[in-house]
Amino acid sequence: MPHRYSINARSDAAPTAVYDALLRAGSWPLWSPIDSVTLADGRDPWDRGRVGDVRLFRTGRALSRESIEDLEPDRRFVYINPSGPFRSYRGQIELIPDGSGTRISWQAEFETNIRLLGPFMRLYLLRFMRRMAWGLATYAERPTMTSK
């Protein structure tokens, strides 16, 4: 049985700034609980991401291997993570214009490898992803986003 979560945040930044932060994996440790990131193909993580990119995120001792599945410029970022405790995981970040800013809708559907782990993972992910969404919203508001 699939589990789901949905997080919403609002940024005063335009959708283009929020989308740019999502595409540049190198920025993720600056606005999220993620410690480090590399790209599986060895490219610079500050390069703009593209469909098919595999990103390796490290948080503490945990390694997450995520692949960009679909992109719609300034509107949508879709990724999958079929590893670790997940049998399947599909996340989607929708960017909705909201006045001069952006409403960020971050949601996912997943199944765990161990049936009873699902409810615990949902609670954990709600907390973790709330930090991700609010960090993204705040980071994108910076006049010049920090790079390298």
C-alpha atoms as a PDB file:
ATOM      1  CA  MET A   1       0.000   0.000   0.000  1.00  0.00           C
ATOM      2  CA  PRO A   2       1.521   3.364  -0.998  1.00  0.00           C
ATOM      3  CA  HIS A   3       2.145   6.104   1.544  1.00  0.00           C
ATOM      4  CA  ARG A   4       1.975   9.811   0.736  1.00  0.00           C
ATOM      5  CA  TYR A   5       2.979  13.151   2.143  1.00  0.00           C
ATOM      6  CA  SER A   6       2.425  16.719   1.003  1.00  0.00           C
ATOM      7  CA  ILE A   7       4.206  19.863   2.207  1.00  0.00           C
ATOM      8  CA  ASN A   8       3.499  23.454   1.205  1.00  0.00           C
ATOM      9  CA  ALA A   9       5.704  26.519   1.604  1.00  0.00           C
ATOM     10  CA  ARG A  10       5.714  30.019   0.173  1.00  0.00           C
ATOM     11  CA  SER A  11       8.657  32.021  -1.104  1.00  0.00           C
ATOM     12  CA  ASP A  12       8.786  35.706  -1.973  1.00  0.00           C
ATOM     13  CA  ALA A  13      11.077  34.654  -4.845  1.00  0.00           C
ATOM     14  CA  ALA A  14       9.795  34.204  -8.397  1.00  0.00           C
ATOM     15  CA  PRO A  15       9.329  30.633  -9.692  1.00  0.00           C
ATOM     16  CA  THR A  16      12.478  31.014 -11.859  1.00  0.00           C
ATOM     17  CA  ALA A  17      14.671  31.516  -8.756  1.00  0.00           C
ATOM     18  CA  VAL A  18      13.105  28.571  -6.909  1.00  0.00           C
ATOM     19  CA  TYR A  19      13.433  26.327  -9.960  1.00  0.00           C
ATOM     20  CA  ASP A  20      17.081  27.325 -10.441  1.00  0.00           C
ATOM     21  CA  ALA A  21      17.890  26.282  -6.851  1.00  0.00           C
ATOM     22  CA  LEU A  22      16.247  22.900  -7.466  1.00  0.00           C
ATOM     23  CA  LEU A  23      18.236  22.331 -10.661  1.00  0.00           C
ATOM     24  CA  ARG A  24      21.595  23.140  -9.060  1.00  0.00           C
ATOM     25  CA  ALA A  25      22.240  20.160  -6.801  1.00  0.00           C
ATOM     26  CA  GLY A  26      25.268  21.959  -5.355  1.00  0.00           C
ATOM     27  CA  SER A  27      22.930  24.425  -3.657  1.00  0.00           C
ATOM     28  CA  TRP A  28      20.953  21.765  -1.762  1.00  0.00           C
ATOM     29  CA  PRO A  29      23.358  21.500   1.213  1.00  0.00           C
ATOM     30  CA  LEU A  30      23.078  25.298   1.592  1.00  0.00           C
ATOM     31  CA  TRP A  31      19.305  25.251   2.135  1.00  0.00           C
ATOM     32  CA  SER A  32      18.503  21.776   3.428  1.00  0.00           C
ATOM     33  CA  PRO A  33      19.556  19.200   6.035  1.00  0.00           C
ATOM     34  CA  ILE A  34      21.586  17.437   3.311  1.00  0.00           C
ATOM     35  CA  ASP A  35      25.331  17.395   4.093  1.00  0.00           C
ATOM     36  CA  SER A  36      26.777  16.879   0.609  1.00  0.00           C
ATOM     37  CA  VAL A  37      25.885  16.035  -2.975  1.00  0.00           C
ATOM     38  CA  THR A  38      27.667  14.617  -6.011  1.00  0.00           C
ATOM     39  CA  LEU A  39      26.468  13.666  -9.470  1.00  0.00           C
ATOM     40  CA  ALA A  40      26.915  10.034 -10.496  1.00  0.00           C
ATOM     41  CA  ASP A  41      28.418  11.044 -13.856  1.00  0.00           C
ATOM     42  CA  GLY A  42      31.064  13.253 -12.198  1.00  0.00           C
ATOM     43  CA  ARG A  43      29.725  16.563 -13.536  1.00  0.00           C
ATOM     44  CA  ASP A  44      29.882  19.672 -11.384  1.00  0.00           C
ATOM     45  CA  PRO A  45      26.833  19.662  -9.040  1.00  0.00           C
ATOM     46  CA  TRP A  46      26.446  23.406  -9.682  1.00  0.00           C
ATOM     47  CA  ASP A  47      25.625  22.704 -13.359  1.00  0.00           C
ATOM     48  CA  ARG A  48      21.921  22.903 -14.115  1.00  0.00           C
ATOM     49  CA  GLY A  49      20.328  19.490 -13.745  1.00  0.00           C
ATOM     50  CA  ARG A  50      18.587  17.636 -16.543  1.00  0.00           C
ATOM     51  CA  VAL A  51      16.307  14.636 -16.919  1.00  0.00           C
ATOM     52  CA  GLY A  52      18.215  11.434 -16.197  1.00  0.00           C
ATOM     53  CA  ASP A  53      20.748  12.992 -13.819  1.00  0.00           C
ATOM     54  CA  VAL A  54      21.489  10.767 -10.836  1.00  0.00           C
ATOM     55  CA  ARG A  55      22.238  12.748  -7.678  1.00  0.00           C
ATOM     56  CA  LEU A  56      23.878  11.214  -4.630  1.00  0.00           C
ATOM     57  CA  PHE A  57      22.844  13.021  -1.450  1.00  0.00           C
ATOM     58  CA  ARG A  58      24.568  12.306   1.865  1.00  0.00           C
ATOM     59  CA  THR A  59      22.886  13.139   5.169  1.00  0.00           C
ATOM     60  CA  GLY A  60      24.913  11.853   8.089  1.00  0.00           C
ATOM     61  CA  ARG A  61      25.751   8.267   7.190  1.00  0.00           C
ATOM     62  CA  ALA A  62      22.703   7.838   4.947  1.00  0.00           C
ATOM     63  CA  LEU A  63      23.144   7.991   1.180  1.00  0.00           C
ATOM     64  CA  SER A  64      20.189   8.745  -1.061  1.00  0.00           C
ATOM     65  CA  ARG A  65      20.379   8.027  -4.795  1.00  0.00           C
ATOM     66  CA  GLU A  66      17.816  10.094  -6.681  1.00  0.00           C
ATOM     67  CA  SER A  67      17.204  10.446 -10.385  1.00  0.00           C
ATOM     68  CA  ILE A  68      15.521  13.393 -12.100  1.00  0.00           C
ATOM     69  CA  GLU A  69      12.571  11.918 -13.967  1.00  0.00           C
ATOM     70  CA  ASP A  70      10.799  14.978 -15.416  1.00  0.00           C
ATOM     71  CA  LEU A  71      11.269  18.738 -15.595  1.00  0.00           C
ATOM     72  CA  GLU A  72       8.922  21.498 -16.632  1.00  0.00           C
ATOM     73  CA  PRO A  73      10.828  24.804 -16.543  1.00  0.00           C
ATOM     74  CA  ASP A  74       9.823  27.071 -13.652  1.00  0.00           C
ATOM     75  CA  ARG A  75       6.850  24.800 -12.830  1.00  0.00           C
ATOM     76  CA  ARG A  76       7.704  21.212 -11.945  1.00  0.00           C
ATOM     77  CA  PHE A  77      10.574  19.006 -10.755  1.00  0.00           C
ATOM     78  CA  VAL A  78       9.988  15.227 -10.524  1.00  0.00           C
ATOM     79  CA  TYR A  79      12.434  12.708  -9.069  1.00  0.00           C
ATOM     80  CA  ILE A  80      12.534   9.057  -8.074  1.00  0.00           C
ATOM     81  CA  ASN A  81      14.450   7.152  -5.405  1.00  0.00           C
ATOM     82  CA  PRO A  82      14.025   3.392  -5.714  1.00  0.00           C
ATOM     83  CA  SER A  83      16.747   2.542  -3.190  1.00  0.00           C
ATOM     84  CA  GLY A  84      17.471   2.420   0.522  1.00  0.00           C
ATOM     85  CA  PRO A  85      14.327   1.665   2.527  1.00  0.00           C
ATOM     86  CA  PHE A  86      12.127   2.298  -0.536  1.00  0.00           C
ATOM     87  CA  ARG A  87      10.689  -0.200  -2.973  1.00  0.00           C
ATOM     88  CA  SER A  88       9.458   2.842  -4.879  1.00  0.00           C
ATOM     89  CA  TYR A  89       9.519   6.590  -4.253  1.00  0.00           C
ATOM     90  CA  ARG A  90       8.343   9.339  -6.586  1.00  0.00           C
ATOM     91  CA  GLY A  91       8.554  12.955  -5.464  1.00  0.00           C
ATOM     92  CA  GLN A  92       7.148  15.967  -7.236  1.00  0.00           C
ATOM     93  CA  ILE A  93       7.733  19.650  -6.573  1.00  0.00           C
ATOM     94  CA  GLU A  94       5.189  22.013  -8.115  1.00  0.00           C
ATOM     95  CA  LEU A  95       5.940  25.741  -8.316  1.00  0.00           C
ATOM     96  CA  ILE A  96       2.788  27.838  -8.465  1.00  0.00           C
ATOM     97  CA  PRO A  97       3.010  31.611  -9.093  1.00  0.00           C
ATOM     98  CA  ASP A  98       1.583  33.420  -6.063  1.00  0.00           C
ATOM     99  CA  GLY A  99       1.534  37.191  -6.495  1.00  0.00           C
ATOM    100  CA  SER A 100       5.163  38.196  -6.879  1.00  0.00           C
ATOM    101  CA  GLY A 101       6.310  34.967  -5.204  1.00  0.00           C
ATOM    102  CA  THR A 102       5.895  31.209  -5.447  1.00  0.00           C
ATOM    103  CA  ARG A 103       3.878  28.576  -3.641  1.00  0.00           C
ATOM    104  CA  ILE A 104       5.941  25.406  -3.346  1.00  0.00           C
ATOM    105  CA  SER A 105       4.026  22.124  -3.202  1.00  0.00           C
ATOM    106  CA  TRP A 106       6.361  19.214  -2.385  1.00  0.00           C
ATOM    107  CA  GLN A 107       4.715  15.810  -2.370  1.00  0.00           C
ATOM    108  CA  ALA A 108       5.620  12.171  -2.754  1.00  0.00           C
ATOM    109  CA  GLU A 109       4.202   8.695  -2.914  1.00  0.00           C
ATOM    110  CA  PHE A 110       6.303   5.769  -1.747  1.00  0.00           C
ATOM    111  CA  GLU A 111       6.359   2.144  -0.702  1.00  0.00           C
ATOM    112  CA  THR A 112       8.893   0.729   1.721  1.00  0.00           C
ATOM    113  CA  ASN A 113      10.752  -2.568   1.508  1.00  0.00           C
ATOM    114  CA  ILE A 114       9.443  -3.502   4.949  1.00  0.00           C
ATOM    115  CA  ARG A 115       5.668  -3.168   5.247  1.00  0.00           C
ATOM    116  CA  LEU A 116       5.557  -1.889   8.833  1.00  0.00           C
ATOM    117  CA  LEU A 117       8.194   0.756   8.120  1.00  0.00           C
ATOM    118  CA  GLY A 118       5.821   2.848   5.967  1.00  0.00           C
ATOM    119  CA  PRO A 119       4.001   4.836   8.694  1.00  0.00           C
ATOM    120  CA  PHE A 120       7.278   5.623  10.479  1.00  0.00           C
ATOM    121  CA  MET A 121       8.907   6.773   7.203  1.00  0.00           C
ATOM    122  CA  ARG A 122       5.913   8.979   6.449  1.00  0.00           C
ATOM    123  CA  LEU A 123       6.289  10.787   9.795  1.00  0.00           C
ATOM    124  CA  TYR A 124      10.040  11.104   9.342  1.00  0.00           C
ATOM    125  CA  LEU A 125       9.665  12.407   5.790  1.00  0.00           C
ATOM    126  CA  LEU A 126       7.006  14.944   6.802  1.00  0.00           C
ATOM    127  CA  ARG A 127       9.482  16.532   9.218  1.00  0.00           C
ATOM    128  CA  PHE A 128      12.485  16.249   6.924  1.00  0.00           C
ATOM    129  CA  MET A 129      10.692  17.524   3.832  1.00  0.00           C
ATOM    130  CA  ARG A 130       9.138  20.429   5.741  1.00  0.00           C
ATOM    131  CA  ARG A 131      12.706  21.585   6.451  1.00  0.00           C
ATOM    132  CA  MET A 132      13.549  21.064   2.775  1.00  0.00           C
ATOM    133  CA  ALA A 133      10.593  23.104   1.485  1.00  0.00           C
ATOM    134  CA  TRP A 134      11.077  26.008   3.907  1.00  0.00           C
ATOM    135  CA  GLY A 135      14.826  26.034   3.311  1.00  0.00           C
ATOM    136  CA  LEU A 136      14.270  26.161  -0.447  1.00  0.00           C
ATOM    137  CA  ALA A 137      11.735  28.986  -0.072  1.00  0.00           C
ATOM    138  CA  THR A 138      14.122  31.076   2.036  1.00  0.00           C
ATOM    139  CA  TYR A 139      17.221  30.347  -0.046  1.00  0.00           C
ATOM    140  CA  ALA A 140      15.537  31.349  -3.307  1.00  0.00           C
ATOM    141  CA  GLU A 141      14.683  34.758  -1.806  1.00  0.00           C
ATOM    142  CA  ARG A 142      18.337  35.764  -1.568  1.00  0.00           C
ATOM    143  CA  PRO A 143      19.211  38.587  -3.994  1.00  0.00           C
ATOM    144  CA  THR A 144      22.138  36.568  -5.328  1.00  0.00           C
ATOM    145  CA  MET A 145      22.054  32.903  -4.470  1.00  0.00           C
ATOM    146  CA  THR A 146      25.359  31.627  -3.155  1.00  0.00           C
ATOM    147  CA  SER A 147      27.279  29.303  -5.439  1.00  0.00           C
ATOM    148  CA  LYS A 148      30.519  27.346  -5.122  1.00  0.00           C
END
